[in-house]
């Protein structure tokens, strides 16, 4: 059996905990207590791109000075279909693909 955390052909979610730590999580595995969906479900590459764009300081929030703590991302909409807009993309800025 293939480890669900290593499958490139499955959808994932980006989870965030109260310390602002991020985790790539298979969409087929239930979200553990204490974690919130910040992005997805989407392909692995899209989730990694989202994480790279939003998790710029890997220190736990408690280790960052208050003025440097990143804002917690808004939870993903549970009824959204398809990948969500990533910061800095045309979709995130309200433009549609042509």
C-alpha atoms as a PDB file:
ATOM      1  CA  UNK A   1       0.000   0.000   0.000  1.00  0.00           C
ATOM      2  CA  UNK A   2       1.294   3.458  -0.942  1.00  0.00           C
ATOM      3  CA  UNK A   3       1.675   6.034   1.796  1.00  0.00           C
ATOM      4  CA  UNK A   4      -1.121   8.619   1.182  1.00  0.00           C
ATOM      5  CA  UNK A   5       1.290  11.419   2.147  1.00  0.00           C
ATOM      6  CA  UNK A   6       3.625  10.574  -0.746  1.00  0.00           C
ATOM      7  CA  UNK A   7       1.203  10.216  -3.664  1.00  0.00           C
ATOM      8  CA  UNK A   8       1.777  12.785  -6.412  1.00  0.00           C
ATOM      9  CA  UNK A   9      -1.529  11.872  -8.103  1.00  0.00           C
ATOM     10  CA  UNK A  10      -3.881  12.758  -5.242  1.00  0.00           C
ATOM     11  CA  UNK A  11      -5.389  16.027  -4.014  1.00  0.00           C
ATOM     12  CA  UNK A  12      -4.031  17.637  -0.877  1.00  0.00           C
ATOM     13  CA  UNK A  13      -4.953  20.373   1.553  1.00  0.00           C
ATOM     14  CA  UNK A  14      -2.688  22.837   3.316  1.00  0.00           C
ATOM     15  CA  UNK A  15      -3.458  22.784   7.028  1.00  0.00           C
ATOM     16  CA  UNK A  16      -2.469  25.424   9.574  1.00  0.00           C
ATOM     17  CA  UNK A  17      -2.408  25.048  13.351  1.00  0.00           C
ATOM     18  CA  UNK A  18      -2.638  27.678  16.102  1.00  0.00           C
ATOM     19  CA  UNK A  19       1.142  28.181  15.994  1.00  0.00           C
ATOM     20  CA  UNK A  20       0.866  29.015  12.246  1.00  0.00           C
ATOM     21  CA  UNK A  21       2.724  25.846  11.296  1.00  0.00           C
ATOM     22  CA  UNK A  22       1.711  24.432   7.903  1.00  0.00           C
ATOM     23  CA  UNK A  23       1.195  20.831   6.847  1.00  0.00           C
ATOM     24  CA  UNK A  24       0.524  19.223   3.479  1.00  0.00           C
ATOM     25  CA  UNK A  25      -2.327  16.791   4.096  1.00  0.00           C
ATOM     26  CA  UNK A  26      -3.997  14.292   1.727  1.00  0.00           C
ATOM     27  CA  UNK A  27      -7.612  15.260   1.102  1.00  0.00           C
ATOM     28  CA  UNK A  28      -8.657  11.647   1.723  1.00  0.00           C
ATOM     29  CA  UNK A  29      -7.354  11.727   5.314  1.00  0.00           C
ATOM     30  CA  UNK A  30      -9.506  13.458   7.963  1.00  0.00           C
ATOM     31  CA  UNK A  31      -8.219  16.807   9.238  1.00  0.00           C
ATOM     32  CA  UNK A  32      -6.807  16.285  12.748  1.00  0.00           C
ATOM     33  CA  UNK A  33      -8.066  18.265  15.720  1.00  0.00           C
ATOM     34  CA  UNK A  34      -6.336  21.612  16.144  1.00  0.00           C
ATOM     35  CA  UNK A  35      -5.717  22.139  12.423  1.00  0.00           C
ATOM     36  CA  UNK A  36      -7.640  24.310   9.927  1.00  0.00           C
ATOM     37  CA  UNK A  37      -7.781  23.971   6.147  1.00  0.00           C
ATOM     38  CA  UNK A  38      -6.086  27.035   4.641  1.00  0.00           C
ATOM     39  CA  UNK A  39      -6.018  25.879   1.007  1.00  0.00           C
ATOM     40  CA  UNK A  40      -7.325  23.072  -1.160  1.00  0.00           C
ATOM     41  CA  UNK A  41      -8.181  20.509  -2.028  1.00  0.00           C
ATOM     42  CA  UNK A  42      -5.792  20.923  -4.940  1.00  0.00           C
ATOM     43  CA  UNK A  43      -2.885  19.173  -6.571  1.00  0.00           C
ATOM     44  CA  UNK A  44       0.335  18.680  -4.632  1.00  0.00           C
ATOM     45  CA  UNK A  45       2.235  21.294  -6.675  1.00  0.00           C
ATOM     46  CA  UNK A  46      -0.487  23.938  -6.113  1.00  0.00           C
ATOM     47  CA  UNK A  47      -0.470  23.240  -2.369  1.00  0.00           C
ATOM     48  CA  UNK A  48       3.312  23.513  -2.209  1.00  0.00           C
ATOM     49  CA  UNK A  49       3.150  26.777  -4.174  1.00  0.00           C
ATOM     50  CA  UNK A  50       0.539  28.162  -1.771  1.00  0.00           C
ATOM     51  CA  UNK A  51       2.662  27.141   1.208  1.00  0.00           C
ATOM     52  CA  UNK A  52       5.784  28.767  -0.243  1.00  0.00           C
ATOM     53  CA  UNK A  53       3.853  32.008  -0.881  1.00  0.00           C
ATOM     54  CA  UNK A  54       2.152  32.214   2.514  1.00  0.00           C
ATOM     55  CA  UNK A  55       4.447  30.507   5.030  1.00  0.00           C
ATOM     56  CA  UNK A  56       7.445  32.776   4.734  1.00  0.00           C
ATOM     57  CA  UNK A  57       8.633  32.357   8.335  1.00  0.00           C
ATOM     58  CA  UNK A  58       8.696  28.705   9.449  1.00  0.00           C
ATOM     59  CA  UNK A  59       9.123  29.590  13.124  1.00  0.00           C
ATOM     60  CA  UNK A  60       6.078  28.870  15.303  1.00  0.00           C
ATOM     61  CA  UNK A  61       4.027  32.012  15.953  1.00  0.00           C
ATOM     62  CA  UNK A  62       5.057  31.871  19.616  1.00  0.00           C
ATOM     63  CA  UNK A  63       8.725  32.256  18.598  1.00  0.00           C
ATOM     64  CA  UNK A  64       8.108  35.378  16.469  1.00  0.00           C
ATOM     65  CA  UNK A  65       7.937  38.889  17.854  1.00  0.00           C
ATOM     66  CA  UNK A  66       4.289  39.983  17.931  1.00  0.00           C
ATOM     67  CA  UNK A  67       4.794  42.623  15.251  1.00  0.00           C
ATOM     68  CA  UNK A  68       6.292  40.015  12.889  1.00  0.00           C
ATOM     69  CA  UNK A  69       3.735  37.263  13.346  1.00  0.00           C
ATOM     70  CA  UNK A  70       1.950  36.404  10.119  1.00  0.00           C
ATOM     71  CA  UNK A  71      -1.812  36.615  10.048  1.00  0.00           C
ATOM     72  CA  UNK A  72      -3.562  33.291  10.126  1.00  0.00           C
ATOM     73  CA  UNK A  73      -4.951  32.496   6.670  1.00  0.00           C
ATOM     74  CA  UNK A  74      -8.706  32.490   6.324  1.00  0.00           C
ATOM     75  CA  UNK A  75     -10.144  28.948   6.311  1.00  0.00           C
ATOM     76  CA  UNK A  76     -10.911  27.473   2.928  1.00  0.00           C
ATOM     77  CA  UNK A  77     -14.547  27.490   1.925  1.00  0.00           C
ATOM     78  CA  UNK A  78     -15.858  23.931   2.369  1.00  0.00           C
ATOM     79  CA  UNK A  79     -18.093  24.209  -0.695  1.00  0.00           C
ATOM     80  CA  UNK A  80     -15.482  25.707  -3.042  1.00  0.00           C
ATOM     81  CA  UNK A  81     -14.883  23.656  -6.133  1.00  0.00           C
ATOM     82  CA  UNK A  82     -11.385  23.311  -7.488  1.00  0.00           C
ATOM     83  CA  UNK A  83      -8.190  24.979  -6.351  1.00  0.00           C
ATOM     84  CA  UNK A  84      -8.492  28.314  -4.649  1.00  0.00           C
ATOM     85  CA  UNK A  85      -6.789  31.443  -5.863  1.00  0.00           C
ATOM     86  CA  UNK A  86      -3.219  31.833  -4.715  1.00  0.00           C
ATOM     87  CA  UNK A  87      -1.970  35.225  -3.556  1.00  0.00           C
ATOM     88  CA  UNK A  88      -0.525  37.230  -6.419  1.00  0.00           C
ATOM     89  CA  UNK A  89      -2.464  35.411  -9.136  1.00  0.00           C
ATOM     90  CA  UNK A  90      -5.044  36.990 -11.448  1.00  0.00           C
ATOM     91  CA  UNK A  91      -7.787  34.890  -9.811  1.00  0.00           C
ATOM     92  CA  UNK A  92      -6.800  36.243  -6.391  1.00  0.00           C
ATOM     93  CA  UNK A  93      -7.086  39.761  -7.753  1.00  0.00           C
ATOM     94  CA  UNK A  94     -10.603  39.138  -9.063  1.00  0.00           C
ATOM     95  CA  UNK A  95      -9.698  38.668 -12.721  1.00  0.00           C
ATOM     96  CA  UNK A  96     -10.939  35.732 -14.706  1.00  0.00           C
ATOM     97  CA  UNK A  97      -8.961  33.623 -17.135  1.00  0.00           C
ATOM     98  CA  UNK A  98      -9.576  34.411 -20.779  1.00  0.00           C
END
